[in-house]
């Protein structure tokens, strides 16, 4: 008898964007591998499914029924939808703050479901931050919200390329983590501290081991200045902060190396020996990764007490306004596939710990 398909919660994101479409398409395409449970407005998603493909079958369940009886074992012939009703009619491409709180409710339910054992992981479709803020809720992004919701003091954003394609080519998958995220460039040097880098390196090392099954992760660390500071002539952050943090991490048993000049680090001769690159700021590392993998990249939040992956793009309101059939769901499929791989690796690590 084959093992049961893991259940993964899919939050369908901003309803006026492409999230509902790519969530349905990916869930249906991967239904034999994984039990994708969509969290969103059941009536709206059922209508969208019927317009996408009459073959897509859905089965709706209320949140109360889920809480009372757990997740039913639907077979691969149907996509389960947990009904989180919207408050306003959806016009594709047009944002409505009235629906902002319902979008947040799907995130809350996914976190609750993982804690309850209903879901093994969560995958998030893109949402619109402005809509949630316009709904009267201070919101800076998925990552920060989930950190607060789970009581996690520090999380690390990591984007990863297509692991399946990398395996076929024999290359190491490209993974780029960020020491800082959404900061003005002038604020970056002050935000990089020895203690902060120590915590970031600890999180990357722990999650590459526990959630990716990499026994001895190798982390390459970029400098923050051109030419990694050129021995202090172009800045002392590498000498005073980054190199000491790397040295301290190595003393803790973490295989961290650097700091490397960012303009030469992203070459095959370095990347083939790396399980992850730690970039110092958002636009230092992510343009390289997105050039190489955009549309098939995955956003992964490290440090959370749960597995969360997401797509590497936004709500694409312009595509949604044109109607169904214009969105590319490859990144959503890859996000689900990555979550599935992480669930398997985490279960192997837990089984190994028990023995």
Protein backbone atom coordinates (compact mmCIF):
# COMPACT_ATOMS: atom_id res chain seq x y z
CA UNK A 1 0.00 0.00 0.00
CA UNK A 2 1.36 3.40 -0.98
CA UNK A 3 1.94 6.03 1.71
CA UNK A 4 -0.86 8.59 2.13
CA UNK A 5 -0.36 11.87 0.34
CA UNK A 6 0.82 14.61 2.71
CA UNK A 7 -1.75 17.34 3.24
CA UNK A 8 -0.41 20.82 2.51
CA UNK A 9 -2.40 24.00 3.11
CA UNK A 10 -2.50 26.39 0.16
CA UNK A 11 -3.55 29.93 1.06
CA UNK A 12 -4.98 31.33 -2.15
CA UNK A 13 -3.85 34.91 -1.62
CA UNK A 14 -5.33 38.12 -3.00
CA UNK A 15 -8.62 37.05 -4.61
CA UNK A 16 -8.43 39.75 -7.30
CA UNK A 17 -5.00 38.53 -8.40
CA UNK A 18 -3.74 35.33 -9.98
CA UNK A 19 -3.45 33.44 -6.68
CA UNK A 20 -6.77 31.56 -6.93
CA UNK A 21 -6.05 30.45 -10.51
CA UNK A 22 -2.50 29.24 -9.93
CA UNK A 23 -3.51 27.55 -6.67
CA UNK A 24 -6.26 25.56 -8.38
CA UNK A 25 -4.13 24.69 -11.39
CA UNK A 26 -1.19 23.53 -9.28
CA UNK A 27 -3.35 21.58 -6.83
CA UNK A 28 -5.09 19.74 -9.66
CA UNK A 29 -1.88 19.06 -11.58
CA UNK A 30 -0.19 17.63 -8.48
CA UNK A 31 -3.19 15.87 -6.94
CA UNK A 32 -1.66 12.39 -7.19
CA UNK A 33 1.50 13.48 -5.35
CA UNK A 34 0.12 15.70 -2.63
CA UNK A 35 -3.20 16.50 -0.98
CA UNK A 36 -3.36 20.25 -1.57
CA UNK A 37 -6.01 21.77 0.68
CA UNK A 38 -7.03 25.21 -0.54
CA UNK A 39 -7.93 27.86 2.03
CA UNK A 40 -10.22 30.51 0.61
CA UNK A 41 -13.78 31.37 -0.38
CA UNK A 42 -15.26 28.03 -1.44
CA UNK A 43 -17.97 29.42 -3.74
CA UNK A 44 -15.56 31.74 -5.52
CA UNK A 45 -12.92 29.00 -5.92
CA UNK A 46 -15.49 26.47 -7.15
CA UNK A 47 -16.70 28.94 -9.78
CA UNK A 48 -13.11 29.70 -10.80
CA UNK A 49 -12.35 25.97 -11.05
CA UNK A 50 -15.36 25.34 -13.31
CA UNK A 51 -14.28 28.15 -15.63
CA UNK A 52 -10.66 26.95 -15.69
CA UNK A 53 -11.37 23.31 -16.43
CA UNK A 54 -14.67 21.42 -16.10
CA UNK A 55 -12.70 18.33 -15.04
CA UNK A 56 -11.51 19.98 -11.82
CA UNK A 57 -13.61 18.68 -8.95
CA UNK A 58 -13.71 20.37 -5.56
CA UNK A 59 -15.13 19.48 -2.15
CA UNK A 60 -15.85 22.25 0.36
CA UNK A 61 -15.56 21.99 4.13
CA UNK A 62 -16.35 24.58 6.77
CA UNK A 63 -13.75 25.70 9.29
CA UNK A 64 -16.01 24.48 12.08
CA UNK A 65 -16.28 21.02 10.54
CA UNK A 66 -12.49 20.94 10.24
CA UNK A 67 -12.08 21.88 13.90
CA UNK A 68 -14.68 19.35 15.02
CA UNK A 69 -13.63 16.36 12.97
CA UNK A 70 -10.24 17.07 11.44
CA UNK A 71 -9.41 16.84 7.75
CA UNK A 72 -11.34 14.18 5.82
CA UNK A 73 -9.37 11.82 3.60
CA UNK A 74 -10.41 13.06 0.17
CA UNK A 75 -8.95 11.06 -2.69
CA UNK A 76 -7.05 12.58 -5.62
CA UNK A 77 -10.26 12.99 -7.60
CA UNK A 78 -11.21 16.13 -5.66
CA UNK A 79 -9.48 19.22 -4.30
CA UNK A 80 -10.46 20.01 -0.74
CA UNK A 81 -11.37 23.63 -0.01
CA UNK A 82 -11.70 24.97 3.53
CA UNK A 83 -14.22 27.78 3.24
CA UNK A 84 -12.94 31.17 4.40
CA UNK A 85 -15.66 33.48 3.03
CA UNK A 86 -14.86 36.81 1.46
CA UNK A 87 -16.75 39.94 2.42
CA UNK A 88 -17.08 41.47 -1.04
CA UNK A 89 -17.62 40.35 -4.61
CA UNK A 90 -14.37 39.81 -6.49
CA UNK A 91 -13.60 41.82 -9.61
CA UNK A 92 -10.42 40.37 -11.15
CA UNK A 93 -7.67 42.97 -11.20
CA UNK A 94 -9.48 45.34 -8.83
CA UNK A 95 -8.45 45.46 -5.18
CA UNK A 96 -11.07 45.71 -2.45
CA UNK A 97 -10.00 46.37 1.18
CA UNK A 98 -13.20 44.66 2.33
CA UNK A 99 -11.52 41.33 1.55
CA UNK A 100 -8.25 42.09 3.34
CA UNK A 101 -9.17 40.46 6.65
CA UNK A 102 -10.37 37.28 4.93
CA UNK A 103 -6.96 36.93 3.28
CA UNK A 104 -5.31 37.17 6.71
CA UNK A 105 -7.76 34.60 8.07
CA UNK A 106 -6.42 32.02 5.61
CA UNK A 107 -2.92 32.51 7.03
CA UNK A 108 -4.22 32.15 10.58
CA UNK A 109 -6.02 28.95 9.63
CA UNK A 110 -2.95 27.47 7.97
CA UNK A 111 -0.87 28.10 11.09
CA UNK A 112 -3.62 26.64 13.27
CA UNK A 113 -3.90 23.62 10.99
CA UNK A 114 -0.21 22.81 11.11
CA UNK A 115 -0.22 23.05 14.91
CA UNK A 116 -3.27 20.76 15.02
CA UNK A 117 -1.70 18.22 12.69
CA UNK A 118 -4.18 18.73 9.86
CA UNK A 119 -1.47 20.01 7.51
CA UNK A 120 2.20 19.14 7.17
CA UNK A 121 3.18 22.51 5.65
CA UNK A 122 1.79 25.68 4.12
CA UNK A 123 2.28 27.25 0.68
CA UNK A 124 1.19 30.83 0.16
CA UNK A 125 -0.08 32.43 -3.03
CA UNK A 126 0.77 36.14 -3.38
CA UNK A 127 -1.24 38.73 -1.50
CA UNK A 128 -1.48 42.51 -1.74
CA UNK A 129 0.01 44.25 1.31
CA UNK A 130 -1.73 47.54 0.56
CA UNK A 131 -5.18 45.94 0.63
CA UNK A 132 -4.62 44.52 4.10
CA UNK A 133 -3.29 47.84 5.37
CA UNK A 134 -6.27 49.59 3.79
CA UNK A 135 -8.49 47.16 5.71
CA UNK A 136 -7.12 48.65 8.91
CA UNK A 137 -4.53 45.98 9.77
CA UNK A 138 -0.85 46.94 10.02
CA UNK A 139 0.85 44.42 7.74
CA UNK A 140 4.35 44.39 6.29
CA UNK A 141 4.35 40.98 4.63
CA UNK A 142 3.84 37.22 4.89
CA UNK A 143 7.22 36.64 6.52
CA UNK A 144 6.81 39.17 9.30
CA UNK A 145 3.19 38.17 9.94
CA UNK A 146 4.02 34.47 10.28
CA UNK A 147 6.97 35.25 12.55
CA UNK A 148 4.67 37.25 14.84
CA UNK A 149 1.90 34.65 14.66
CA UNK A 150 4.26 31.85 15.73
CA UNK A 151 6.22 33.89 18.27
CA UNK A 152 9.44 33.55 16.28
CA UNK A 153 11.97 36.28 17.15
CA UNK A 154 13.94 36.05 13.91
CA UNK A 155 13.22 34.53 10.52
CA UNK A 156 15.35 34.42 7.39
CA UNK A 157 14.13 34.89 3.83
CA UNK A 158 15.61 32.42 1.36
CA UNK A 159 14.83 32.02 -2.32
CA UNK A 160 15.65 28.79 -4.11
CA UNK A 161 15.78 27.73 -7.72
CA UNK A 162 14.25 24.67 -9.34
CA UNK A 163 15.71 21.70 -7.44
CA UNK A 164 14.40 19.16 -9.95
CA UNK A 165 16.05 20.94 -12.87
CA UNK A 166 19.28 21.23 -10.89
CA UNK A 167 19.25 17.51 -10.14
CA UNK A 168 18.77 16.69 -13.82
CA UNK A 169 21.66 18.91 -14.86
CA UNK A 170 23.93 17.73 -12.06
CA UNK A 171 24.26 21.27 -10.67
CA UNK A 172 23.70 22.25 -7.06
CA UNK A 173 20.37 24.07 -6.60
CA UNK A 174 20.82 27.80 -6.20
CA UNK A 175 19.69 29.02 -2.78
CA UNK A 176 20.11 32.63 -1.66
CA UNK A 177 19.34 33.76 1.89
CA UNK A 178 19.26 37.38 3.03
CA UNK A 179 20.89 38.90 6.10
CA UNK A 180 18.59 41.92 5.74
CA UNK A 181 15.40 42.19 3.72
CA UNK A 182 13.26 45.23 2.99
CA UNK A 183 15.49 48.10 4.10
CA UNK A 184 16.63 51.27 2.37
CA UNK A 185 20.17 50.76 1.10
CA UNK A 186 21.55 53.49 3.39
CA UNK A 187 20.26 51.51 6.43
CA UNK A 188 21.89 48.19 5.49
CA UNK A 189 25.40 48.58 6.99
CA UNK A 190 24.03 49.58 10.39
CA UNK A 191 21.64 46.61 10.33
CA UNK A 192 24.48 44.10 9.84
CA UNK A 193 25.91 43.14 13.22
CA UNK A 194 28.00 40.24 14.51
CA UNK A 195 25.15 39.04 16.70
CA UNK A 196 22.62 39.36 13.91
CA UNK A 197 24.77 37.44 11.44
CA UNK A 198 25.41 34.77 14.08
CA UNK A 199 21.68 34.20 14.50
CA UNK A 200 21.08 34.20 10.75
CA UNK A 201 23.85 31.64 10.14
CA UNK A 202 22.52 29.46 12.98
CA UNK A 203 19.03 29.48 11.43
CA UNK A 204 20.29 28.69 7.92
CA UNK A 205 22.48 25.85 9.17
CA UNK A 206 19.72 24.36 11.36
CA UNK A 207 17.03 24.47 8.67
CA UNK A 208 19.26 23.17 5.88
CA UNK A 209 19.87 20.19 8.16
CA UNK A 210 16.39 19.72 9.60
CA UNK A 211 14.15 20.76 6.70
CA UNK A 212 16.34 19.98 3.69
CA UNK A 213 18.18 16.90 4.91
CA UNK A 214 21.64 18.34 4.19
CA UNK A 215 23.96 16.75 6.75
CA UNK A 216 26.79 19.28 6.57
CA UNK A 217 25.59 22.50 4.87
CA UNK A 218 28.13 24.76 3.17
CA UNK A 219 27.26 28.45 3.34
CA UNK A 220 29.07 31.07 1.28
CA UNK A 221 28.82 34.59 2.69
CA UNK A 222 28.98 37.74 0.58
CA UNK A 223 30.60 40.96 1.67
CA UNK A 224 28.56 44.14 1.71
CA UNK A 225 31.00 46.50 0.00
CA UNK A 226 32.39 46.35 -3.55
CA UNK A 227 35.24 43.82 -3.73
CA UNK A 228 34.32 42.77 -0.16
CA UNK A 229 35.80 46.01 1.11
CA UNK A 230 39.18 45.55 -0.59
CA UNK A 231 41.05 45.10 2.71
CA UNK A 232 39.36 48.11 4.26
CA UNK A 233 39.90 50.60 1.44
CA UNK A 234 36.24 50.39 0.42
CA UNK A 235 34.74 49.90 3.88
CA UNK A 236 35.49 48.02 7.08
CA UNK A 237 32.26 46.04 7.53
CA UNK A 238 33.93 42.88 6.23
CA UNK A 239 36.87 43.25 8.63
CA UNK A 240 34.98 44.43 11.70
CA UNK A 241 31.70 42.52 11.41
CA UNK A 242 31.28 39.90 8.69
CA UNK A 243 34.59 38.03 8.92
CA UNK A 244 34.44 37.78 12.75
CA UNK A 245 30.86 36.47 12.52
CA UNK A 246 31.96 33.82 10.03
CA UNK A 247 34.91 32.84 12.22
CA UNK A 248 32.64 32.53 15.25
CA UNK A 249 30.16 30.42 13.26
CA UNK A 250 32.93 28.08 12.17
CA UNK A 251 33.93 27.72 15.82
CA UNK A 252 30.33 26.58 16.48
CA UNK A 253 30.66 23.90 13.80
CA UNK A 254 28.98 25.75 10.94
CA UNK A 255 30.70 25.48 7.56
CA UNK A 256 30.48 29.17 6.63
CA UNK A 257 33.04 30.70 4.27
CA UNK A 258 33.82 34.22 3.13
CA UNK A 259 33.27 37.09 2.91
CA UNK A 260 33.39 36.94 -0.88
CA UNK A 261 32.99 39.84 -3.32
CA UNK A 262 29.39 39.61 -4.50
CA UNK A 263 30.28 40.46 -8.10
CA UNK A 264 32.33 37.27 -8.47
CA UNK A 265 30.65 34.97 -5.95
CA UNK A 266 27.82 33.85 -8.22
CA UNK A 267 29.98 31.73 -10.50
CA UNK A 268 29.73 27.95 -10.99
CA UNK A 269 33.19 27.36 -9.55
CA UNK A 270 31.97 28.74 -6.21
CA UNK A 271 28.33 27.70 -6.32
CA UNK A 272 29.09 24.05 -6.99
CA UNK A 273 30.50 23.89 -3.47
CA UNK A 274 27.63 25.77 -1.85
CA UNK A 275 24.32 24.72 -0.34
CA UNK A 276 23.35 28.35 0.24
CA UNK A 277 24.67 31.85 -0.39
CA UNK A 278 24.07 34.45 2.30
CA UNK A 279 23.69 37.88 0.70
CA UNK A 280 23.84 40.97 2.85
CA UNK A 281 20.87 42.78 1.33
CA UNK A 282 17.85 42.23 -0.89
CA UNK A 283 19.10 43.55 -4.23
CA UNK A 284 22.56 42.02 -3.83
CA UNK A 285 21.39 38.42 -4.04
CA UNK A 286 17.91 38.27 -5.48
CA UNK A 287 18.53 39.76 -8.95
CA UNK A 288 20.97 36.94 -9.64
CA UNK A 289 18.58 34.25 -8.46
CA UNK A 290 15.58 35.72 -10.26
CA UNK A 291 17.55 36.05 -13.49
CA UNK A 292 18.40 32.37 -13.27
CA UNK A 293 15.07 31.00 -12.05
CA UNK A 294 12.26 33.56 -12.28
CA UNK A 295 8.89 31.92 -12.68
CA UNK A 296 10.21 28.71 -11.15
CA UNK A 297 11.80 30.05 -8.00
CA UNK A 298 10.51 29.47 -4.50
CA UNK A 299 10.42 31.81 -1.50
CA UNK A 300 11.13 29.88 1.73
CA UNK A 301 10.92 31.25 5.26
CA UNK A 302 13.63 29.78 7.49
CA UNK A 303 13.47 29.82 11.28
CA UNK A 304 9.74 29.23 11.65
CA UNK A 305 8.49 26.23 13.66
CA UNK A 306 6.71 25.13 10.47
CA UNK A 307 7.40 24.72 6.77
CA UNK A 308 6.32 27.66 4.63
CA UNK A 309 7.07 28.17 0.95
CA UNK A 310 5.71 30.64 -1.56
CA UNK A 311 5.94 31.78 -5.15
CA UNK A 312 8.63 34.16 -6.39
CA UNK A 313 6.21 36.70 -7.90
CA UNK A 314 3.39 39.03 -6.96
CA UNK A 315 -0.36 39.20 -7.47
CA UNK A 316 -0.13 40.13 -11.18
CA UNK A 317 -3.36 42.13 -11.11
CA UNK A 318 -2.89 43.09 -14.75
CA UNK A 319 -2.95 39.44 -15.82
CA UNK A 320 -5.94 38.68 -13.60
CA UNK A 321 -7.84 41.59 -15.16
CA UNK A 322 -7.40 39.99 -18.58
CA UNK A 323 -9.24 36.87 -17.41
CA UNK A 324 -8.28 33.30 -16.70
CA UNK A 325 -5.62 31.48 -18.67
CA UNK A 326 -2.85 34.07 -18.71
CA UNK A 327 -1.09 33.18 -15.45
CA UNK A 328 1.91 30.85 -15.29
CA UNK A 329 1.58 28.46 -12.35
CA UNK A 330 5.11 27.01 -12.57
CA UNK A 331 6.36 28.81 -9.46
CA UNK A 332 3.34 27.63 -7.45
CA UNK A 333 3.94 24.04 -8.51
CA UNK A 334 7.59 24.37 -7.57
CA UNK A 335 6.64 25.90 -4.20
CA UNK A 336 4.37 22.91 -3.49
CA UNK A 337 7.04 20.48 -4.66
CA UNK A 338 9.63 22.15 -2.42
CA UNK A 339 7.29 21.99 0.57
CA UNK A 340 6.71 18.31 -0.15
CA UNK A 341 10.45 17.64 -0.27
CA UNK A 342 10.96 19.55 2.98
CA UNK A 343 8.21 17.58 4.71
CA UNK A 344 9.89 14.33 3.67
CA UNK A 345 13.32 15.55 4.82
CA UNK A 346 11.93 16.75 8.15
CA UNK A 347 10.23 13.42 8.76
CA UNK A 348 13.45 11.55 7.99
CA UNK A 349 15.36 13.81 10.40
CA UNK A 350 12.75 13.23 13.13
CA UNK A 351 12.85 9.47 12.56
CA UNK A 352 16.65 9.54 12.76
CA UNK A 353 16.51 11.51 16.02
CA UNK A 354 14.18 8.92 17.55
CA UNK A 355 16.60 6.12 16.73
